[in-house]
C-alpha atoms as a PDB file:
ATOM      1  CA  MET A   1       0.081  -0.084  -0.354  1.00  0.00           C
ATOM      2  CA  PRO A   2      -0.774   2.733  -1.567  1.00  0.00           C
ATOM      3  CA  ASP A   3      -1.385   0.054  -4.277  1.00  0.00           C
ATOM      4  CA  ILE A   4      -2.579   1.055  -7.371  1.00  0.00           C
ATOM      5  CA  LEU A   5      -5.647  -0.751  -7.046  1.00  0.00           C
ATOM      6  CA  PHE A   6      -6.777   0.879  -4.127  1.00  0.00           C
ATOM      7  CA  ILE A   7      -6.387   4.497  -5.194  1.00  0.00           C
ATOM      8  CA  GLU A   8      -8.484   3.553  -8.017  1.00  0.00           C
ATOM      9  CA  LYS A   9     -11.051   1.828  -5.649  1.00  0.00           C
ATOM     10  CA  PHE A  10     -11.030   5.330  -4.093  1.00  0.00           C
ATOM     11  CA  LEU A  11     -11.210   7.450  -7.224  1.00  0.00           C
ATOM     12  CA  LYS A  12     -13.686   5.050  -8.129  1.00  0.00           C
ATOM     13  CA  GLU A  13     -16.091   5.793  -5.141  1.00  0.00           C
ATOM     14  CA  CYS A  14     -15.454   9.324  -5.709  1.00  0.00           C
ATOM     15  CA  GLU A  15     -17.132   9.423  -9.154  1.00  0.00           C
ATOM     16  CA  PHE A  16     -20.085   7.034  -7.305  1.00  0.00           C
ATOM     17  CA  ARG A  17     -20.415  10.263  -5.137  1.00  0.00           C
ATOM     18  CA  LYS A  18     -20.896  12.072  -8.032  1.00  0.00           C
ATOM     19  CA  LEU A  19     -17.677  14.794  -7.024  1.00  0.00           C
ATOM     20  CA  SER A  20     -16.460  16.791  -9.663  1.00  0.00           C
ATOM     21  CA  SER A  21     -13.883  16.163 -12.007  1.00  0.00           C
ATOM     22  CA  HIS A  22     -11.875  18.913 -10.895  1.00  0.00           C
ATOM     23  CA  THR A  23     -11.785  16.658  -7.654  1.00  0.00           C
ATOM     24  CA  ILE A  24     -11.322  13.413  -8.807  1.00  0.00           C
ATOM     25  CA  ARG A  25      -8.218  15.058 -11.311  1.00  0.00           C
ATOM     26  CA  ALA A  26      -6.676  16.290  -8.314  1.00  0.00           C
ATOM     27  CA  TYR A  27      -7.041  13.231  -5.778  1.00  0.00           C
ATOM     28  CA  LYS A  28      -5.471  11.074  -8.258  1.00  0.00           C
ATOM     29  CA  ASN A  29      -2.640  13.668  -9.418  1.00  0.00           C
ATOM     30  CA  ASP A  30      -2.001  14.121  -5.568  1.00  0.00           C
ATOM     31  CA  LEU A  31      -2.242  10.247  -4.742  1.00  0.00           C
ATOM     32  CA  TYR A  32      -0.206   9.057  -8.045  1.00  0.00           C
ATOM     33  CA  GLN A  33       2.759  11.108  -6.388  1.00  0.00           C
ATOM     34  CA  PHE A  34       2.613   9.739  -3.167  1.00  0.00           C
ATOM     35  CA  LYS A  35       2.265   6.176  -4.664  1.00  0.00           C
ATOM     36  CA  HIS A  36       5.351   7.117  -6.651  1.00  0.00           C
ATOM     37  CA  PHE A  37       7.142   8.394  -3.627  1.00  0.00           C
ATOM     38  CA  ILE A  38       6.607   5.224  -1.689  1.00  0.00           C
ATOM     39  CA  TYR A  39       8.086   3.012  -4.244  1.00  0.00           C
ATOM     40  CA  LYS A  40      11.235   5.235  -4.760  1.00  0.00           C
ATOM     41  CA  ASN A  41      11.788   5.498  -1.142  1.00  0.00           C
ATOM     42  CA  ASP A  42      11.379   1.376  -0.864  1.00  0.00           C
ATOM     43  CA  LEU A  43       8.692   2.111   1.735  1.00  0.00           C
ATOM     44  CA  SER A  44       6.171   0.819   3.329  1.00  0.00           C
ATOM     45  CA  SER A  45       1.989   2.349   4.144  1.00  0.00           C
ATOM     46  CA  VAL A  46       2.031   3.798   7.385  1.00  0.00           C
ATOM     47  CA  ASP A  47       5.233   6.250   6.443  1.00  0.00           C
ATOM     48  CA  VAL A  48       3.501   9.045   5.995  1.00  0.00           C
ATOM     49  CA  LYS A  49       5.408  10.961   7.913  1.00  0.00           C
ATOM     50  CA  PRO A  50       8.241  11.182   5.270  1.00  0.00           C
ATOM     51  CA  TYR A  51       6.109  12.143   2.508  1.00  0.00           C
ATOM     52  CA  ILE A  52       4.541  14.849   4.551  1.00  0.00           C
ATOM     53  CA  ASP A  53       8.256  16.382   5.328  1.00  0.00           C
ATOM     54  CA  PHE A  54       9.093  16.001   1.426  1.00  0.00           C
ATOM     55  CA  LEU A  55       5.897  18.067   0.613  1.00  0.00           C
ATOM     56  CA  SER A  56       6.843  20.634   2.841  1.00  0.00           C
ATOM     57  CA  LYS A  57       9.849  21.380   1.594  1.00  0.00           C
ATOM     58  CA  GLN A  58       8.740  20.703  -2.044  1.00  0.00           C
ATOM     59  CA  TYR A  59       6.103  23.686  -1.595  1.00  0.00           C
ATOM     60  CA  ASP A  60       5.972  26.932  -0.023  1.00  0.00           C
ATOM     61  CA  ASN A  61       2.167  27.342  -1.593  1.00  0.00           C
ATOM     62  CA  THR A  62      -0.046  26.791   1.720  1.00  0.00           C
ATOM     63  CA  ARG A  63      -2.905  26.083  -0.038  1.00  0.00           C
ATOM     64  CA  THR A  64      -1.208  22.813  -2.324  1.00  0.00           C
ATOM     65  CA  LEU A  65       0.390  21.391   0.936  1.00  0.00           C
ATOM     66  CA  LYS A  66      -2.710  21.203   2.561  1.00  0.00           C
ATOM     67  CA  ARG A  67      -4.585  19.970  -0.402  1.00  0.00           C
ATOM     68  CA  LYS A  68      -2.406  17.261  -0.702  1.00  0.00           C
ATOM     69  CA  ILE A  69      -2.676  15.994   2.122  1.00  0.00           C
ATOM     70  CA  ALA A  70      -6.111  16.059   2.629  1.00  0.00           C
ATOM     71  CA  SER A  71      -5.671  13.727  -0.517  1.00  0.00           C
ATOM     72  CA  ILE A  72      -4.147  11.367   1.394  1.00  0.00           C
ATOM     73  CA  LYS A  73      -6.484  11.929   4.685  1.00  0.00           C
ATOM     74  CA  SER A  74      -9.364  10.876   2.173  1.00  0.00           C
ATOM     75  CA  LEU A  75      -7.933   7.886   0.937  1.00  0.00           C
ATOM     76  CA  TYR A  76      -6.683   6.588   4.177  1.00  0.00           C
ATOM     77  CA  SER A  77      -9.882   7.484   5.760  1.00  0.00           C
ATOM     78  CA  TYR A  78     -12.352   5.482   3.215  1.00  0.00           C
ATOM     79  CA  LEU A  79      -9.872   2.580   2.791  1.00  0.00           C
ATOM     80  CA  GLU A  80     -10.306   1.987   6.513  1.00  0.00           C
ATOM     81  CA  SER A  81     -14.089   2.749   6.698  1.00  0.00           C
ATOM     82  CA  GLU A  82     -13.955   0.009   4.486  1.00  0.00           C
ATOM     83  CA  GLU A  83     -11.718  -1.982   6.481  1.00  0.00           C
ATOM     84  CA  ILE A  84      -9.496  -2.701   3.881  1.00  0.00           C
ATOM     85  CA  ILE A  85      -6.521  -1.164   6.783  1.00  0.00           C
ATOM     86  CA  LEU A  86      -7.103  -1.785  10.244  1.00  0.00           C
ATOM     87  CA  SER A  87      -5.212   1.581  11.347  1.00  0.00           C
ATOM     88  CA  ASN A  88      -5.269   4.845  10.035  1.00  0.00           C
ATOM     89  CA  PRO A  89      -1.956   5.994  10.286  1.00  0.00           C
ATOM     90  CA  ILE A  90      -2.079   9.253   9.120  1.00  0.00           C
ATOM     91  CA  LYS A  91      -4.369  10.472  12.418  1.00  0.00           C
ATOM     92  CA  LYS A  92      -1.642  10.411  14.414  1.00  0.00           C
ATOM     93  CA  ILE A  93       0.384  12.740  12.309  1.00  0.00           C
ATOM     94  CA  LYS A  94       0.118  16.370  13.190  1.00  0.00           C
ATOM     95  CA  CYS A  95       0.831  19.040  10.497  1.00  0.00           C
ATOM     96  CA  LYS A  96       1.105  22.560  10.956  1.00  0.00           C
ATOM     97  CA  PHE A  97       1.218  24.878   8.036  1.00  0.00           C
ATOM     98  CA  LYS A  98       2.735  28.007   8.270  1.00  0.00           C
ATOM     99  CA  ASN A  99       0.120  31.189   7.433  1.00  0.00           C
ATOM    100  CA  ASP A 100      -0.011  32.248   4.050  1.00  0.00           C
ATOM    101  CA  LYS A 101      -0.903  36.281   3.684  1.00  0.00           C
ATOM    102  CA  SER A 102      -1.130  35.730   0.059  1.00  0.00           C
ATOM    103  CA  LEU A 103      -3.665  37.966  -1.123  1.00  0.00           C
ATOM    104  CA  PRO A 104      -5.327  37.281  -4.657  1.00  0.00           C
ATOM    105  CA  ARG A 105      -3.111  38.412  -7.675  1.00  0.00           C
ATOM    106  CA  LEU A 106      -5.239  40.380 -10.123  1.00  0.00           C
ATOM    107  CA  ILE A 107      -5.261  41.819 -14.315  1.00  0.00           C
ATOM    108  CA  SER A 108      -5.068  45.605 -14.073  1.00  0.00           C
ATOM    109  CA  PRO A 109      -7.745  47.594 -16.255  1.00  0.00           C
ATOM    110  CA  ARG A 110      -5.649  48.525 -18.641  1.00  0.00           C
ATOM    111  CA  VAL A 111      -4.161  44.719 -19.652  1.00  0.00           C
ATOM    112  CA  ILE A 112      -8.147  43.817 -19.641  1.00  0.00           C
ATOM    113  CA  SER A 113      -8.771  46.706 -22.060  1.00  0.00           C
ATOM    114  CA  MET A 114      -5.758  45.576 -24.133  1.00  0.00           C
ATOM    115  CA  ILE A 115      -6.949  41.940 -24.592  1.00  0.00           C
ATOM    116  CA  LEU A 116     -10.231  42.774 -25.389  1.00  0.00           C
ATOM    117  CA  LEU A 117      -9.511  44.779 -28.143  1.00  0.00           C
ATOM    118  CA  GLN A 118      -7.314  42.439 -29.179  1.00  0.00           C
ATOM    119  CA  VAL A 119      -9.650  39.286 -29.430  1.00  0.00           C
ATOM    120  CA  TYR A 120     -12.655  41.493 -30.991  1.00  0.00           C
ATOM    121  CA  GLN A 121      -9.845  42.714 -34.251  1.00  0.00           C
ATOM    122  CA  ASN A 122      -9.127  38.907 -34.540  1.00  0.00           C
ATOM    123  CA  LEU A 123     -13.101  38.821 -35.120  1.00  0.00           C
ATOM    124  CA  ASN A 124     -13.094  41.423 -37.184  1.00  0.00           C
ATOM    125  CA  ASN A 125     -10.600  40.368 -39.191  1.00  0.00           C
ATOM    126  CA  SER A 126     -11.436  36.727 -39.820  1.00  0.00           C
ATOM    127  CA  HIS A 127     -12.483  36.131 -43.033  1.00  0.00           C
ATOM    128  CA  THR A 128     -12.940  32.335 -43.350  1.00  0.00           C
ATOM    129  CA  CYS A 129     -15.532  30.323 -41.232  1.00  0.00           C
ATOM    130  CA  PHE A 130     -13.277  27.996 -39.367  1.00  0.00           C
ATOM    131  CA  SER A 131     -11.147  31.500 -38.335  1.00  0.00           C
ATOM    132  CA  LYS A 132     -14.065  32.988 -37.698  1.00  0.00           C
ATOM    133  CA  PHE A 133     -15.365  30.004 -35.283  1.00  0.00           C
ATOM    134  CA  ILE A 134     -12.156  30.467 -33.456  1.00  0.00           C
ATOM    135  CA  SER A 135     -11.807  33.920 -33.193  1.00  0.00           C
ATOM    136  CA  LEU A 136     -15.963  34.287 -32.003  1.00  0.00           C
ATOM    137  CA  ARG A 137     -15.509  31.569 -29.571  1.00  0.00           C
ATOM    138  CA  ASN A 138     -12.133  32.951 -28.099  1.00  0.00           C
ATOM    139  CA  VAL A 139     -14.347  36.518 -27.651  1.00  0.00           C
ATOM    140  CA  LEU A 140     -17.076  34.895 -25.713  1.00  0.00           C
ATOM    141  CA  ILE A 141     -14.471  32.938 -23.153  1.00  0.00           C
ATOM    142  CA  ILE A 142     -12.862  35.957 -22.335  1.00  0.00           C
ATOM    143  CA  GLU A 143     -16.286  38.208 -21.858  1.00  0.00           C
ATOM    144  CA  LEU A 144     -17.282  35.790 -19.734  1.00  0.00           C
ATOM    145  CA  LEU A 145     -13.877  35.241 -17.828  1.00  0.00           C
ATOM    146  CA  ILE A 146     -14.552  39.084 -17.276  1.00  0.00           C
ATOM    147  CA  ARG A 147     -18.312  39.311 -16.742  1.00  0.00           C
ATOM    148  CA  THR A 148     -18.661  36.068 -14.804  1.00  0.00           C
ATOM    149  CA  GLY A 149     -16.119  34.855 -12.714  1.00  0.00           C
ATOM    150  CA  LEU A 150     -16.690  31.623 -13.748  1.00  0.00           C
ATOM    151  CA  ARG A 151     -14.197  28.877 -12.821  1.00  0.00           C
ATOM    152  CA  ILE A 152     -11.781  27.270 -15.636  1.00  0.00           C
ATOM    153  CA  SER A 153     -13.425  24.220 -14.736  1.00  0.00           C
ATOM    154  CA  GLU A 154     -16.822  25.877 -14.680  1.00  0.00           C
ATOM    155  CA  LEU A 155     -16.204  27.341 -18.509  1.00  0.00           C
ATOM    156  CA  CYS A 156     -15.059  24.454 -20.119  1.00  0.00           C
ATOM    157  CA  SER A 157     -18.467  22.626 -18.453  1.00  0.00           C
ATOM    158  CA  LEU A 158     -20.537  25.014 -19.873  1.00  0.00           C
ATOM    159  CA  MET A 159     -23.165  23.372 -21.778  1.00  0.00           C
ATOM    160  CA  TRP A 160     -26.459  24.925 -23.993  1.00  0.00           C
ATOM    161  CA  GLN A 161     -28.695  23.048 -22.235  1.00  0.00           C
ATOM    162  CA  ASN A 162     -27.715  25.273 -19.391  1.00  0.00           C
ATOM    163  CA  ILE A 163     -28.236  28.379 -20.616  1.00  0.00           C
ATOM    164  CA  ASP A 164     -31.090  30.005 -20.471  1.00  0.00           C
ATOM    165  CA  PHE A 165     -31.179  32.898 -23.343  1.00  0.00           C
ATOM    166  CA  SER A 166     -34.693  34.606 -22.737  1.00  0.00           C
ATOM    167  CA  THR A 167     -33.447  36.055 -19.531  1.00  0.00           C
ATOM    168  CA  GLY A 168     -30.153  35.348 -20.014  1.00  0.00           C
ATOM    169  CA  THR A 169     -29.650  33.040 -17.034  1.00  0.00           C
ATOM    170  CA  LEU A 170     -26.615  30.331 -16.611  1.00  0.00           C
ATOM    171  CA  PHE A 171     -27.297  27.464 -14.341  1.00  0.00           C
ATOM    172  CA  ILE A 172     -23.588  26.717 -12.942  1.00  0.00           C
ATOM    173  CA  LYS A 173     -22.213  23.381 -11.369  1.00  0.00           C
ATOM    174  CA  GLY A 174     -19.551  24.137  -9.371  1.00  0.00           C
ATOM    175  CA  LYS A 175     -17.028  22.542  -6.949  1.00  0.00           C
ATOM    176  CA  GLY A 176     -18.987  19.220  -5.184  1.00  0.00           C
ATOM    177  CA  ASN A 177     -21.407  20.201  -7.571  1.00  0.00           C
ATOM    178  CA  LYS A 178     -23.236  22.777  -5.992  1.00  0.00           C
ATOM    179  CA  GLU A 179     -25.816  24.719  -8.486  1.00  0.00           C
ATOM    180  CA  ARG A 180     -25.844  28.665  -8.801  1.00  0.00           C
ATOM    181  CA  VAL A 181     -27.783  30.920 -10.510  1.00  0.00           C
ATOM    182  CA  VAL A 182     -25.302  33.622 -12.993  1.00  0.00           C
ATOM    183  CA  TYR A 183     -26.753  36.537 -14.404  1.00  0.00           C
ATOM    184  CA  ILE A 184     -25.532  38.098 -17.817  1.00  0.00           C
ATOM    185  CA  GLU A 185     -27.877  41.630 -18.208  1.00  0.00           C
ATOM    186  CA  ASP A 186     -26.337  42.624 -21.775  1.00  0.00           C
ATOM    187  CA  LYS A 187     -28.503  42.055 -24.835  1.00  0.00           C
ATOM    188  CA  ASP A 188     -26.206  42.040 -27.346  1.00  0.00           C
ATOM    189  CA  PHE A 189     -23.886  39.671 -26.104  1.00  0.00           C
ATOM    190  CA  MET A 190     -26.066  37.219 -25.057  1.00  0.00           C
ATOM    191  CA  GLU A 191     -27.354  37.843 -28.749  1.00  0.00           C
ATOM    192  CA  LEU A 192     -23.759  37.082 -29.607  1.00  0.00           C
ATOM    193  CA  LEU A 193     -23.647  33.890 -27.774  1.00  0.00           C
ATOM    194  CA  ASN A 194     -26.806  32.798 -29.654  1.00  0.00           C
ATOM    195  CA  TYR A 195     -25.496  34.022 -33.261  1.00  0.00           C
ATOM    196  CA  TYR A 196     -22.498  31.347 -32.562  1.00  0.00           C
ATOM    197  CA  LYS A 197     -24.425  28.850 -31.879  1.00  0.00           C
ATOM    198  CA  LYS A 198     -26.918  29.243 -34.188  1.00  0.00           C
ATOM    199  CA  ASN A 199     -23.981  29.561 -36.951  1.00  0.00           C
ATOM    200  CA  PHE A 200     -21.045  26.921 -35.431  1.00  0.00           C
ATOM    201  CA  MET A 201     -22.413  25.203 -32.788  1.00  0.00           C
ATOM    202  CA  ILE A 202     -25.322  23.223 -34.225  1.00  0.00           C
ATOM    203  CA  ASN A 203     -26.167  19.551 -32.723  1.00  0.00           C
ATOM    204  CA  SER A 204     -22.765  20.553 -30.013  1.00  0.00           C
ATOM    205  CA  LYS A 205     -23.548  19.533 -26.285  1.00  0.00           C
ATOM    206  CA  TYR A 206     -20.687  22.120 -24.620  1.00  0.00           C
ATOM    207  CA  VAL A 207     -20.501  25.488 -25.072  1.00  0.00           C
ATOM    208  CA  PHE A 208     -16.454  26.240 -25.993  1.00  0.00           C
ATOM    209  CA  LEU A 209     -15.025  23.150 -28.375  1.00  0.00           C
ATOM    210  CA  ASN A 210     -11.806  22.876 -29.893  1.00  0.00           C
ATOM    211  CA  ARG A 211     -11.485  22.717 -33.836  1.00  0.00           C
ATOM    212  CA  TYR A 212     -11.669  19.402 -33.609  1.00  0.00           C
ATOM    213  CA  HIS A 213     -15.101  19.873 -31.873  1.00  0.00           C
ATOM    214  CA  GLN A 214     -14.573  18.282 -28.727  1.00  0.00           C
ATOM    215  CA  LYS A 215     -14.498  19.659 -25.572  1.00  0.00           C
ATOM    216  CA  LEU A 216     -12.388  22.692 -25.189  1.00  0.00           C
ATOM    217  CA  SER A 217      -9.580  21.751 -22.155  1.00  0.00           C
ATOM    218  CA  GLU A 218      -8.393  23.997 -19.385  1.00  0.00           C
ATOM    219  CA  GLN A 219      -5.506  23.436 -21.024  1.00  0.00           C
ATOM    220  CA  ALA A 220      -6.733  24.937 -24.154  1.00  0.00           C
ATOM    221  CA  VAL A 221      -7.950  28.685 -22.055  1.00  0.00           C
ATOM    222  CA  ARG A 222      -4.723  28.767 -20.540  1.00  0.00           C
ATOM    223  CA  LEU A 223      -2.820  28.684 -23.855  1.00  0.00           C
ATOM    224  CA  ILE A 224      -5.269  30.522 -25.811  1.00  0.00           C
ATOM    225  CA  LEU A 225      -4.490  33.173 -22.604  1.00  0.00           C
ATOM    226  CA  ASN A 226      -0.900  33.062 -23.582  1.00  0.00           C
ATOM    227  CA  ASP A 227      -1.268  33.326 -26.805  1.00  0.00           C
ATOM    228  CA  LEU A 228      -2.407  37.052 -26.542  1.00  0.00           C
ATOM    229  CA  LYS A 229      -0.344  38.280 -23.248  1.00  0.00           C
ATOM    230  CA  GLN A 230       2.495  36.939 -26.687  1.00  0.00           C
ATOM    231  CA  LYS A 231       1.254  39.125 -29.463  1.00  0.00           C
ATOM    232  CA  LEU A 232       0.542  41.791 -26.521  1.00  0.00           C
ATOM    233  CA  HIS A 233       4.123  41.719 -25.356  1.00  0.00           C
ATOM    234  CA  ILE A 234       1.602  41.292 -21.923  1.00  0.00           C
ATOM    235  CA  THR A 235       4.809  40.918 -19.280  1.00  0.00           C
ATOM    236  CA  GLN A 236       2.486  40.389 -16.287  1.00  0.00           C
ATOM    237  CA  PRO A 237       0.782  36.963 -15.170  1.00  0.00           C
ATOM    238  CA  VAL A 238      -2.500  36.478 -16.954  1.00  0.00           C
ATOM    239  CA  THR A 239      -4.574  33.420 -16.134  1.00  0.00           C
ATOM    240  CA  PRO A 240      -8.248  32.127 -16.055  1.00  0.00           C
ATOM    241  CA  HIS A 241      -8.741  32.408 -12.486  1.00  0.00           C
ATOM    242  CA  MET A 242      -6.995  35.732 -12.201  1.00  0.00           C
ATOM    243  CA  PHE A 243     -10.107  37.193 -14.119  1.00  0.00           C
ATOM    244  CA  ARG A 244     -12.191  35.580 -11.519  1.00  0.00           C
ATOM    245  CA  HIS A 245     -10.207  37.549  -8.706  1.00  0.00           C
ATOM    246  CA  THR A 246      -9.998  40.519 -10.658  1.00  0.00           C
ATOM    247  CA  PHE A 247     -13.567  39.912 -11.246  1.00  0.00           C
ATOM    248  CA  ALA A 248     -14.595  39.538  -7.974  1.00  0.00           C
ATOM    249  CA  THR A 249     -12.270  42.177  -6.173  1.00  0.00           C
ATOM    250  CA  GLN A 250     -13.782  45.037  -8.868  1.00  0.00           C
ATOM    251  CA  LEU A 251     -17.788  44.053  -7.562  1.00  0.00           C
ATOM    252  CA  LEU A 252     -16.377  44.820  -3.505  1.00  0.00           C
ATOM    253  CA  GLU A 253     -14.989  47.915  -4.930  1.00  0.00           C
ATOM    254  CA  ASN A 254     -17.985  48.882  -6.315  1.00  0.00           C
ATOM    255  CA  ASP A 255     -20.010  48.514  -2.907  1.00  0.00           C
ATOM    256  CA  VAL A 256     -21.100  45.197  -3.729  1.00  0.00           C
ATOM    257  CA  ASP A 257     -21.803  43.491  -0.191  1.00  0.00           C
ATOM    258  CA  ILE A 258     -19.637  40.254   0.676  1.00  0.00           C
ATOM    259  CA  ARG A 259     -23.020  38.091   0.744  1.00  0.00           C
ATOM    260  CA  TYR A 260     -23.645  38.310  -3.040  1.00  0.00           C
ATOM    261  CA  ILE A 261     -19.977  38.095  -3.800  1.00  0.00           C
ATOM    262  CA  GLN A 262     -19.946  35.179  -2.332  1.00  0.00           C
ATOM    263  CA  LYS A 263     -23.029  33.369  -4.104  1.00  0.00           C
ATOM    264  CA  ILE A 264     -22.403  35.047  -7.448  1.00  0.00           C
ATOM    265  CA  LEU A 265     -18.302  32.649  -7.179  1.00  0.00           C
ATOM    266  CA  GLY A 266     -20.248  30.407  -5.563  1.00  0.00           C
ATOM    267  CA  HIS A 267     -18.111  29.641  -2.453  1.00  0.00           C
ATOM    268  CA  SER A 268     -19.256  27.272   0.568  1.00  0.00           C
ATOM    269  CA  SER A 269     -18.019  29.962   3.009  1.00  0.00           C
ATOM    270  CA  ILE A 270     -18.093  33.726   3.221  1.00  0.00           C
ATOM    271  CA  ASN A 271     -14.270  33.355   4.826  1.00  0.00           C
ATOM    272  CA  VAL A 272     -13.034  32.116   1.548  1.00  0.00           C
ATOM    273  CA  THR A 273     -14.688  35.572  -0.249  1.00  0.00           C
ATOM    274  CA  GLN A 274     -13.120  38.062   2.906  1.00  0.00           C
ATOM    275  CA  ILE A 275     -10.148  37.729   0.948  1.00  0.00           C
ATOM    276  CA  TYR A 276     -11.196  39.815  -1.524  1.00  0.00           C
ATOM    277  CA  THR A 277     -12.054  42.702   1.567  1.00  0.00           C
ATOM    278  CA  HIS A 278      -8.236  42.639   2.037  1.00  0.00           C
ATOM    279  CA  ILE A 279      -7.262  44.183  -1.215  1.00  0.00           C
ATOM    280  CA  GLN A 280      -9.308  46.959  -0.760  1.00  0.00           C
ATOM    281  CA  MET A 281      -7.777  47.133   2.322  1.00  0.00           C
ATOM    282  CA  ASN A 282      -4.062  47.578   1.013  1.00  0.00           C
ATOM    283  CA  LYS A 283      -5.958  49.878  -1.629  1.00  0.00           C
ATOM    284  CA  GLU A 284      -7.716  52.085   0.867  1.00  0.00           C
ATOM    285  CA  ARG A 285      -4.055  52.142   2.652  1.00  0.00           C
ATOM    286  CA  GLU A 286      -2.304  53.272  -0.795  1.00  0.00           C
ATOM    287  CA  ILE A 287      -4.979  56.443  -1.667  1.00  0.00           C
ATOM    288  CA  MET A 288      -4.624  57.682   2.005  1.00  0.00           C
ATOM    289  CA  LYS A 289      -1.013  58.007   1.271  1.00  0.00           C
ATOM    290  CA  SER A 290      -0.756  58.767  -2.148  1.00  0.00           C
ATOM    291  CA  LYS A 291      -4.129  60.754  -2.940  1.00  0.00           C
ATOM    292  CA  ASN A 292      -4.004  62.462   0.717  1.00  0.00           C
ATOM    293  CA  PRO A 293      -5.237  65.984   0.372  1.00  0.00           C
ATOM    294  CA  ARG A 294      -2.648  66.342   3.006  1.00  0.00           C
ATOM    295  CA  LEU A 295      -0.342  66.192  -0.254  1.00  0.00           C
ATOM    296  CA  SER A 296      -1.862  69.577  -1.783  1.00  0.00           C
ATOM    297  CA  TYR A 297      -0.929  72.164   1.329  1.00  0.00           C
ATOM    298  CA  LYS A 298       3.056  73.005   1.264  1.00  0.00           C
ATOM    299  CA  SER A 299       4.621  72.424   4.905  1.00  0.00           C
ATOM    300  CA  ILE A 300       6.334  75.537   6.184  1.00  0.00           C
ATOM    301  CA  SER A 301       8.265  72.981   8.271  1.00  0.00           C
ATOM    302  CA  SER A 302       9.141  69.320   9.145  1.00  0.00           C
ATOM    303  CA  LEU A 303       7.178  68.198  12.004  1.00  0.00           C
ATOM    304  CA  ASN A 304       9.547  67.746  14.997  1.00  0.00           C
ATOM    305  CA  PRO A 305       8.301  65.491  17.990  1.00  0.00           C
ATOM    306  CA  SER A 306      10.634  67.752  19.654  1.00  0.00           C
ATOM    307  CA  HIS A 307       9.682  71.047  18.440  1.00  0.00           C
ATOM    308  CA  THR A 308       6.935  72.939  21.090  1.00  0.00           C
ATOM    309  CA  ILE A 309       3.568  74.149  19.703  1.00  0.00           C
END
């Protein structure tokens, strides 16, 4: 142990419980990495501590580290519940994580404007049926990332049956198969989406397909963004999840109640959404530093605490 058969048995159980494909894929990657480490170092199934020590040195990102350890915990809990193992070795191990204070990275308005301009230019310059399909698809992908803050997994899994064109409503199945509703109050965009469906997506199940008319992968979306970055000579990172962070932060800056932001994003807990308040606090601090009205008044002399007024 961990034998590949037990890992596959656990993954089948995850499918039976209807966990999301994203969660199952993460479990699979994490557990196969664990299996490889155990075999490579000639350890037994109870030697979990060396692997956790290895992960702690290998990964600085606390969230990644927590997820990988959680995957192992889930596997052993399942094996224990099925009485495949008599005792759970990871129960005895206490994991300490450093406090990860890193804030979500955002995409600047200038960069988003550049990307929007480029994808629409690509569409206007398309002359063949294939190039129009690709260009229009990319326009809709960028628009949805900006307008809705969808996770990349939600974007790629979006199906036509999940869209109500009459009301501008998207029915999204998010993490843990939790469903939520996302509204798009823009008739022009919905008309463009409908045009795309009628002209390029006949008999298609999914909204976004690749050039071979297969479901568009998450990696393909990242490659689309990387191509745009290179074409526009953008040096800062641009990822699908950064669009989500930017979307949420802009809602907060526009005085949207954080509870509504939580529902729109599909966060299971408002504590997850609270991270965006820290971004706003940083911005407020910067405003008080660089835009403070005091800066507009000339100072007669520098303040000195030793001077008596």
